[in-house]
Amino acid sequence: MSTTTRKIVIAGVMGAISIFLGASHLGFIPWLAGAALTIMHVPVIIGAVLEGPVVGLAIGLIFGAFSLLQAAIAPTGPADVWFTNPLVSIVPRLFIGPMAWLAYKALKTTNEALSLAISGVVGSLTNTILVLGVLGLYRFLPWALIGTIAVTNGLPEAVVAAIITLAVVAAWKRLESGRRSSTI
């Protein structure tokens, strides 16, 4: 398979997984006080780590477009109206993959496992900070509440993203090399 074909396939599969997670609601882990942690951004991180920032950007676009469409067509709560604005639903998601890839690239020569976990954290926090930041700039939420959400939801989401990214990419790389044990 050519490199270009592989990138297109990875972007399509990871984009489809992100959509599946959102449409099936499997991308939401019940959390405190009726809130939920999301893992819908994790396929963006994984795709970027595996295939680079352009693939991550493409998957982020798919994730963001799905978020916008879902908010417009099948809203699940009052906050969904905010996500019909592409500056809230799409633009922040474009940065998840490139930021995760930059973290991975900067650290992969020192420690592969650590670089995968940190790329999960960086990608997840990119999503949290940018989406909440736009909500704050539009004054949809007060900044004090945004800080609370960032800590109570954003930090646990980053930990979950780190764990899933490490597990999936380590397994992928093991399969790709044909080895029975991971090199990580």
C-alpha atoms as a PDB file:
ATOM      1  CA  MET A   1       0.000   0.000   0.000  1.00  0.00           C
ATOM      2  CA  SER A   2       1.400   3.406  -0.923  1.00  0.00           C
ATOM      3  CA  THR A   3       2.030   5.995   1.775  1.00  0.00           C
ATOM      4  CA  THR A   4      -0.701   8.268   0.401  1.00  0.00           C
ATOM      5  CA  THR A   5      -3.237   5.436   0.307  1.00  0.00           C
ATOM      6  CA  ARG A   6      -2.314   4.430   3.851  1.00  0.00           C
ATOM      7  CA  LYS A   7      -2.804   7.999   5.101  1.00  0.00           C
ATOM      8  CA  ILE A   8      -6.210   8.238   3.423  1.00  0.00           C
ATOM      9  CA  VAL A   9      -7.274   4.881   4.866  1.00  0.00           C
ATOM     10  CA  ILE A  10      -6.105   5.770   8.392  1.00  0.00           C
ATOM     11  CA  ALA A  11      -7.851   9.168   8.186  1.00  0.00           C
ATOM     12  CA  GLY A  12     -11.068   7.538   6.985  1.00  0.00           C
ATOM     13  CA  VAL A  13     -11.057   4.745   9.550  1.00  0.00           C
ATOM     14  CA  MET A  14     -10.193   7.025  12.471  1.00  0.00           C
ATOM     15  CA  GLY A  15     -12.754   9.607  11.306  1.00  0.00           C
ATOM     16  CA  ALA A  16     -15.372   6.851  11.115  1.00  0.00           C
ATOM     17  CA  ILE A  17     -14.465   5.668  14.624  1.00  0.00           C
ATOM     18  CA  SER A  18     -14.862   9.212  15.949  1.00  0.00           C
ATOM     19  CA  ILE A  19     -18.288   9.495  14.289  1.00  0.00           C
ATOM     20  CA  PHE A  20     -19.289   6.060  15.612  1.00  0.00           C
ATOM     21  CA  LEU A  21     -18.264   7.043  19.140  1.00  0.00           C
ATOM     22  CA  GLY A  22     -20.434  10.160  18.928  1.00  0.00           C
ATOM     23  CA  ALA A  23     -23.442   8.636  17.177  1.00  0.00           C
ATOM     24  CA  SER A  24     -23.559   5.588  19.454  1.00  0.00           C
ATOM     25  CA  HIS A  25     -22.796   7.631  22.583  1.00  0.00           C
ATOM     26  CA  LEU A  26     -20.003   5.149  23.378  1.00  0.00           C
ATOM     27  CA  GLY A  27     -17.633   8.112  23.192  1.00  0.00           C
ATOM     28  CA  PHE A  28     -18.950   9.448  26.478  1.00  0.00           C
ATOM     29  CA  ILE A  29     -17.975   8.019  29.863  1.00  0.00           C
ATOM     30  CA  PRO A  30     -20.386   8.928  32.697  1.00  0.00           C
ATOM     31  CA  TRP A  31     -18.667  11.183  35.200  1.00  0.00           C
ATOM     32  CA  LEU A  32     -19.441  13.529  38.085  1.00  0.00           C
ATOM     33  CA  ALA A  33     -22.864  15.137  38.591  1.00  0.00           C
ATOM     34  CA  GLY A  34     -24.327  13.875  35.328  1.00  0.00           C
ATOM     35  CA  ALA A  35     -21.429  15.173  33.220  1.00  0.00           C
ATOM     36  CA  ALA A  36     -19.529  12.893  30.869  1.00  0.00           C
ATOM     37  CA  LEU A  37     -15.925  12.526  29.790  1.00  0.00           C
ATOM     38  CA  THR A  38     -15.528  12.363  26.028  1.00  0.00           C
ATOM     39  CA  ILE A  39     -13.081  10.197  24.133  1.00  0.00           C
ATOM     40  CA  MET A  40     -14.248  11.270  20.676  1.00  0.00           C
ATOM     41  CA  HIS A  41     -11.008  13.187  20.146  1.00  0.00           C
ATOM     42  CA  VAL A  42      -8.792  10.147  20.774  1.00  0.00           C
ATOM     43  CA  PRO A  43      -8.992   8.839  17.172  1.00  0.00           C
ATOM     44  CA  VAL A  44      -7.683  12.252  16.052  1.00  0.00           C
ATOM     45  CA  ILE A  45      -4.684  11.868  18.363  1.00  0.00           C
ATOM     46  CA  ILE A  46      -4.018   8.276  17.316  1.00  0.00           C
ATOM     47  CA  GLY A  47      -4.254   9.097  13.609  1.00  0.00           C
ATOM     48  CA  ALA A  48      -1.852  12.008  13.995  1.00  0.00           C
ATOM     49  CA  VAL A  49       0.680   9.950  15.926  1.00  0.00           C
ATOM     50  CA  LEU A  50       0.527   7.141  13.369  1.00  0.00           C
ATOM     51  CA  GLU A  51       0.443   9.187  10.159  1.00  0.00           C
ATOM     52  CA  GLY A  52       1.358  12.800  10.876  1.00  0.00           C
ATOM     53  CA  PRO A  53      -0.198  16.227  11.341  1.00  0.00           C
ATOM     54  CA  VAL A  54      -2.084  16.404   8.028  1.00  0.00           C
ATOM     55  CA  VAL A  55      -3.902  13.144   8.789  1.00  0.00           C
ATOM     56  CA  GLY A  56      -4.601  14.443  12.302  1.00  0.00           C
ATOM     57  CA  LEU A  57      -5.996  17.658  10.834  1.00  0.00           C
ATOM     58  CA  ALA A  58      -8.238  15.673   8.449  1.00  0.00           C
ATOM     59  CA  ILE A  59      -9.601  13.495  11.263  1.00  0.00           C
ATOM     60  CA  GLY A  60     -10.093  16.618  13.397  1.00  0.00           C
ATOM     61  CA  LEU A  61     -12.110  18.122  10.538  1.00  0.00           C
ATOM     62  CA  ILE A  62     -14.274  14.985  10.371  1.00  0.00           C
ATOM     63  CA  PHE A  63     -14.759  15.050  14.161  1.00  0.00           C
ATOM     64  CA  GLY A  64     -15.603  18.763  14.158  1.00  0.00           C
ATOM     65  CA  ALA A  65     -17.999  18.520  11.207  1.00  0.00           C
ATOM     66  CA  PHE A  66     -19.780  15.609  12.865  1.00  0.00           C
ATOM     67  CA  SER A  67     -20.008  17.607  16.098  1.00  0.00           C
ATOM     68  CA  LEU A  68     -21.557  20.539  14.235  1.00  0.00           C
ATOM     69  CA  LEU A  69     -24.037  18.331  12.338  1.00  0.00           C
ATOM     70  CA  GLN A  70     -25.019  16.383  15.434  1.00  0.00           C
ATOM     71  CA  ALA A  71     -25.620  19.604  17.375  1.00  0.00           C
ATOM     72  CA  ALA A  72     -27.770  20.980  14.546  1.00  0.00           C
ATOM     73  CA  ILE A  73     -29.708  17.836  13.618  1.00  0.00           C
ATOM     74  CA  ALA A  74     -29.948  15.785  16.806  1.00  0.00           C
ATOM     75  CA  PRO A  75     -29.118  17.957  19.835  1.00  0.00           C
ATOM     76  CA  THR A  76     -28.921  16.162  23.158  1.00  0.00           C
ATOM     77  CA  GLY A  77     -28.864  19.176  25.472  1.00  0.00           C
ATOM     78  CA  PRO A  78     -29.144  22.950  25.697  1.00  0.00           C
ATOM     79  CA  ALA A  79     -25.398  23.519  25.167  1.00  0.00           C
ATOM     80  CA  ASP A  80     -25.571  21.878  21.723  1.00  0.00           C
ATOM     81  CA  VAL A  81     -26.784  25.164  20.208  1.00  0.00           C
ATOM     82  CA  TRP A  82     -23.288  26.574  20.804  1.00  0.00           C
ATOM     83  CA  PHE A  83     -21.764  23.772  18.723  1.00  0.00           C
ATOM     84  CA  THR A  84     -23.732  24.794  15.630  1.00  0.00           C
ATOM     85  CA  ASN A  85     -21.102  27.537  15.330  1.00  0.00           C
ATOM     86  CA  PRO A  86     -18.101  26.152  13.374  1.00  0.00           C
ATOM     87  CA  LEU A  87     -15.745  28.312  15.468  1.00  0.00           C
ATOM     88  CA  VAL A  88     -16.788  26.179  18.454  1.00  0.00           C
ATOM     89  CA  SER A  89     -17.293  22.774  16.860  1.00  0.00           C
ATOM     90  CA  ILE A  90     -14.776  22.617  13.995  1.00  0.00           C
ATOM     91  CA  VAL A  91     -11.882  25.069  14.335  1.00  0.00           C
ATOM     92  CA  PRO A  92     -10.594  23.865  17.754  1.00  0.00           C
ATOM     93  CA  ARG A  93     -10.672  20.243  16.554  1.00  0.00           C
ATOM     94  CA  LEU A  94      -8.340  21.082  13.655  1.00  0.00           C
ATOM     95  CA  PHE A  95      -5.515  21.659  16.136  1.00  0.00           C
ATOM     96  CA  ILE A  96      -5.832  18.391  18.128  1.00  0.00           C
ATOM     97  CA  GLY A  97      -3.878  16.212  15.688  1.00  0.00           C
ATOM     98  CA  PRO A  98      -1.081  18.621  14.812  1.00  0.00           C
ATOM     99  CA  MET A  99      -0.452  19.446  18.480  1.00  0.00           C
ATOM    100  CA  ALA A 100      -0.463  15.755  19.483  1.00  0.00           C
ATOM    101  CA  TRP A 101       1.910  14.969  16.607  1.00  0.00           C
ATOM    102  CA  LEU A 102       4.292  17.773  17.628  1.00  0.00           C
ATOM    103  CA  ALA A 103       4.435  16.408  21.182  1.00  0.00           C
ATOM    104  CA  TYR A 104       5.013  12.873  19.922  1.00  0.00           C
ATOM    105  CA  LYS A 105       7.687  13.932  17.433  1.00  0.00           C
ATOM    106  CA  ALA A 106       9.533  16.024  20.030  1.00  0.00           C
ATOM    107  CA  LEU A 107       9.707  13.201  22.575  1.00  0.00           C
ATOM    108  CA  LYS A 108       9.690   9.892  20.660  1.00  0.00           C
ATOM    109  CA  THR A 109      13.493   9.557  20.546  1.00  0.00           C
ATOM    110  CA  THR A 110      13.760   9.806  24.332  1.00  0.00           C
ATOM    111  CA  ASN A 111      11.001   7.395  25.400  1.00  0.00           C
ATOM    112  CA  GLU A 112       8.365   5.967  23.043  1.00  0.00           C
ATOM    113  CA  ALA A 113       5.808   5.079  25.740  1.00  0.00           C
ATOM    114  CA  LEU A 114       6.116   8.440  27.449  1.00  0.00           C
ATOM    115  CA  SER A 115       5.857  10.275  24.125  1.00  0.00           C
ATOM    116  CA  LEU A 116       2.634   8.406  23.281  1.00  0.00           C
ATOM    117  CA  ALA A 117       1.088   9.187  26.666  1.00  0.00           C
ATOM    118  CA  ILE A 118       2.109  12.851  26.498  1.00  0.00           C
ATOM    119  CA  SER A 119       0.755  13.162  22.953  1.00  0.00           C
ATOM    120  CA  GLY A 120      -2.584  11.876  24.298  1.00  0.00           C
ATOM    121  CA  VAL A 121      -2.521  14.494  27.047  1.00  0.00           C
ATOM    122  CA  VAL A 122      -1.489  17.314  24.686  1.00  0.00           C
ATOM    123  CA  GLY A 123      -4.145  16.436  22.095  1.00  0.00           C
ATOM    124  CA  SER A 124      -6.849  16.155  24.718  1.00  0.00           C
ATOM    125  CA  LEU A 125      -5.903  19.393  26.457  1.00  0.00           C
ATOM    126  CA  THR A 126      -5.770  21.141  23.076  1.00  0.00           C
ATOM    127  CA  ASN A 127      -9.398  20.146  22.538  1.00  0.00           C
ATOM    128  CA  THR A 128     -10.435  21.184  26.044  1.00  0.00           C
ATOM    129  CA  ILE A 129      -8.598  24.514  26.118  1.00  0.00           C
ATOM    130  CA  LEU A 130      -9.614  25.638  22.635  1.00  0.00           C
ATOM    131  CA  VAL A 131     -13.289  24.624  22.848  1.00  0.00           C
ATOM    132  CA  LEU A 132     -13.702  26.106  26.327  1.00  0.00           C
ATOM    133  CA  GLY A 133     -11.702  29.161  25.283  1.00  0.00           C
ATOM    134  CA  VAL A 134     -14.035  29.857  22.370  1.00  0.00           C
ATOM    135  CA  LEU A 135     -17.065  29.338  24.646  1.00  0.00           C
ATOM    136  CA  GLY A 136     -15.546  31.885  27.011  1.00  0.00           C
ATOM    137  CA  LEU A 137     -14.746  34.390  24.280  1.00  0.00           C
ATOM    138  CA  TYR A 138     -18.339  34.202  23.056  1.00  0.00           C
ATOM    139  CA  ARG A 139     -19.465  34.590  26.691  1.00  0.00           C
ATOM    140  CA  PHE A 140     -21.543  31.422  26.486  1.00  0.00           C
ATOM    141  CA  LEU A 141     -20.035  30.408  29.834  1.00  0.00           C
ATOM    142  CA  PRO A 142     -18.451  32.458  32.635  1.00  0.00           C
ATOM    143  CA  TRP A 143     -14.675  32.068  32.920  1.00  0.00           C
ATOM    144  CA  ALA A 144     -14.923  30.740  36.481  1.00  0.00           C
ATOM    145  CA  LEU A 145     -17.119  27.877  35.287  1.00  0.00           C
ATOM    146  CA  ILE A 146     -14.781  27.237  32.367  1.00  0.00           C
ATOM    147  CA  GLY A 147     -11.918  26.769  34.829  1.00  0.00           C
ATOM    148  CA  THR A 148     -13.973  24.312  36.846  1.00  0.00           C
ATOM    149  CA  ILE A 149     -14.923  22.339  33.726  1.00  0.00           C
ATOM    150  CA  ALA A 150     -11.304  22.291  32.555  1.00  0.00           C
ATOM    151  CA  VAL A 151     -10.189  20.775  35.852  1.00  0.00           C
ATOM    152  CA  THR A 152     -13.086  18.398  36.546  1.00  0.00           C
ATOM    153  CA  ASN A 153     -13.552  17.141  32.978  1.00  0.00           C
ATOM    154  CA  GLY A 154     -10.499  18.226  30.993  1.00  0.00           C
ATOM    155  CA  LEU A 155      -7.833  16.685  33.216  1.00  0.00           C
ATOM    156  CA  PRO A 156      -9.536  13.265  33.544  1.00  0.00           C
ATOM    157  CA  GLU A 157     -10.165  13.263  29.771  1.00  0.00           C
ATOM    158  CA  ALA A 158      -6.450  13.893  29.238  1.00  0.00           C
ATOM    159  CA  VAL A 159      -5.538  10.928  31.458  1.00  0.00           C
ATOM    160  CA  VAL A 160      -7.972   8.661  29.616  1.00  0.00           C
ATOM    161  CA  ALA A 161      -6.652   9.891  26.245  1.00  0.00           C
ATOM    162  CA  ALA A 162      -3.080   9.163  27.362  1.00  0.00           C
ATOM    163  CA  ILE A 163      -3.955   5.607  28.386  1.00  0.00           C
ATOM    164  CA  ILE A 164      -5.948   4.811  25.234  1.00  0.00           C
ATOM    165  CA  THR A 165      -3.373   6.400  22.913  1.00  0.00           C
ATOM    166  CA  LEU A 166      -0.539   4.456  24.513  1.00  0.00           C
ATOM    167  CA  ALA A 167      -2.450   1.157  24.418  1.00  0.00           C
ATOM    168  CA  VAL A 168      -3.739   1.464  20.846  1.00  0.00           C
ATOM    169  CA  VAL A 169      -0.569   2.798  19.226  1.00  0.00           C
ATOM    170  CA  ALA A 170       1.639   0.286  21.080  1.00  0.00           C
ATOM    171  CA  ALA A 171      -0.610  -2.546  19.886  1.00  0.00           C
ATOM    172  CA  TRP A 172      -0.680  -1.117  16.337  1.00  0.00           C
ATOM    173  CA  LYS A 173       3.089  -0.840  16.165  1.00  0.00           C
ATOM    174  CA  ARG A 174       3.467  -4.393  17.462  1.00  0.00           C
ATOM    175  CA  LEU A 175       1.084  -5.674  14.766  1.00  0.00           C
ATOM    176  CA  GLU A 176       2.754  -3.563  12.098  1.00  0.00           C
ATOM    177  CA  SER A 177       6.187  -4.989  12.868  1.00  0.00           C
ATOM    178  CA  GLY A 178       4.871  -8.563  13.049  1.00  0.00           C
ATOM    179  CA  ARG A 179       6.332  -9.022  16.518  1.00  0.00           C
ATOM    180  CA  ARG A 180       4.578 -10.907  19.250  1.00  0.00           C
ATOM    181  CA  SER A 181       5.655  -8.440  21.899  1.00  0.00           C
ATOM    182  CA  SER A 182       5.612  -4.679  21.872  1.00  0.00           C
ATOM    183  CA  THR A 183       8.821  -2.741  21.450  1.00  0.00           C
ATOM    184  CA  ILE A 184       7.475  -0.197  23.915  1.00  0.00           C
END
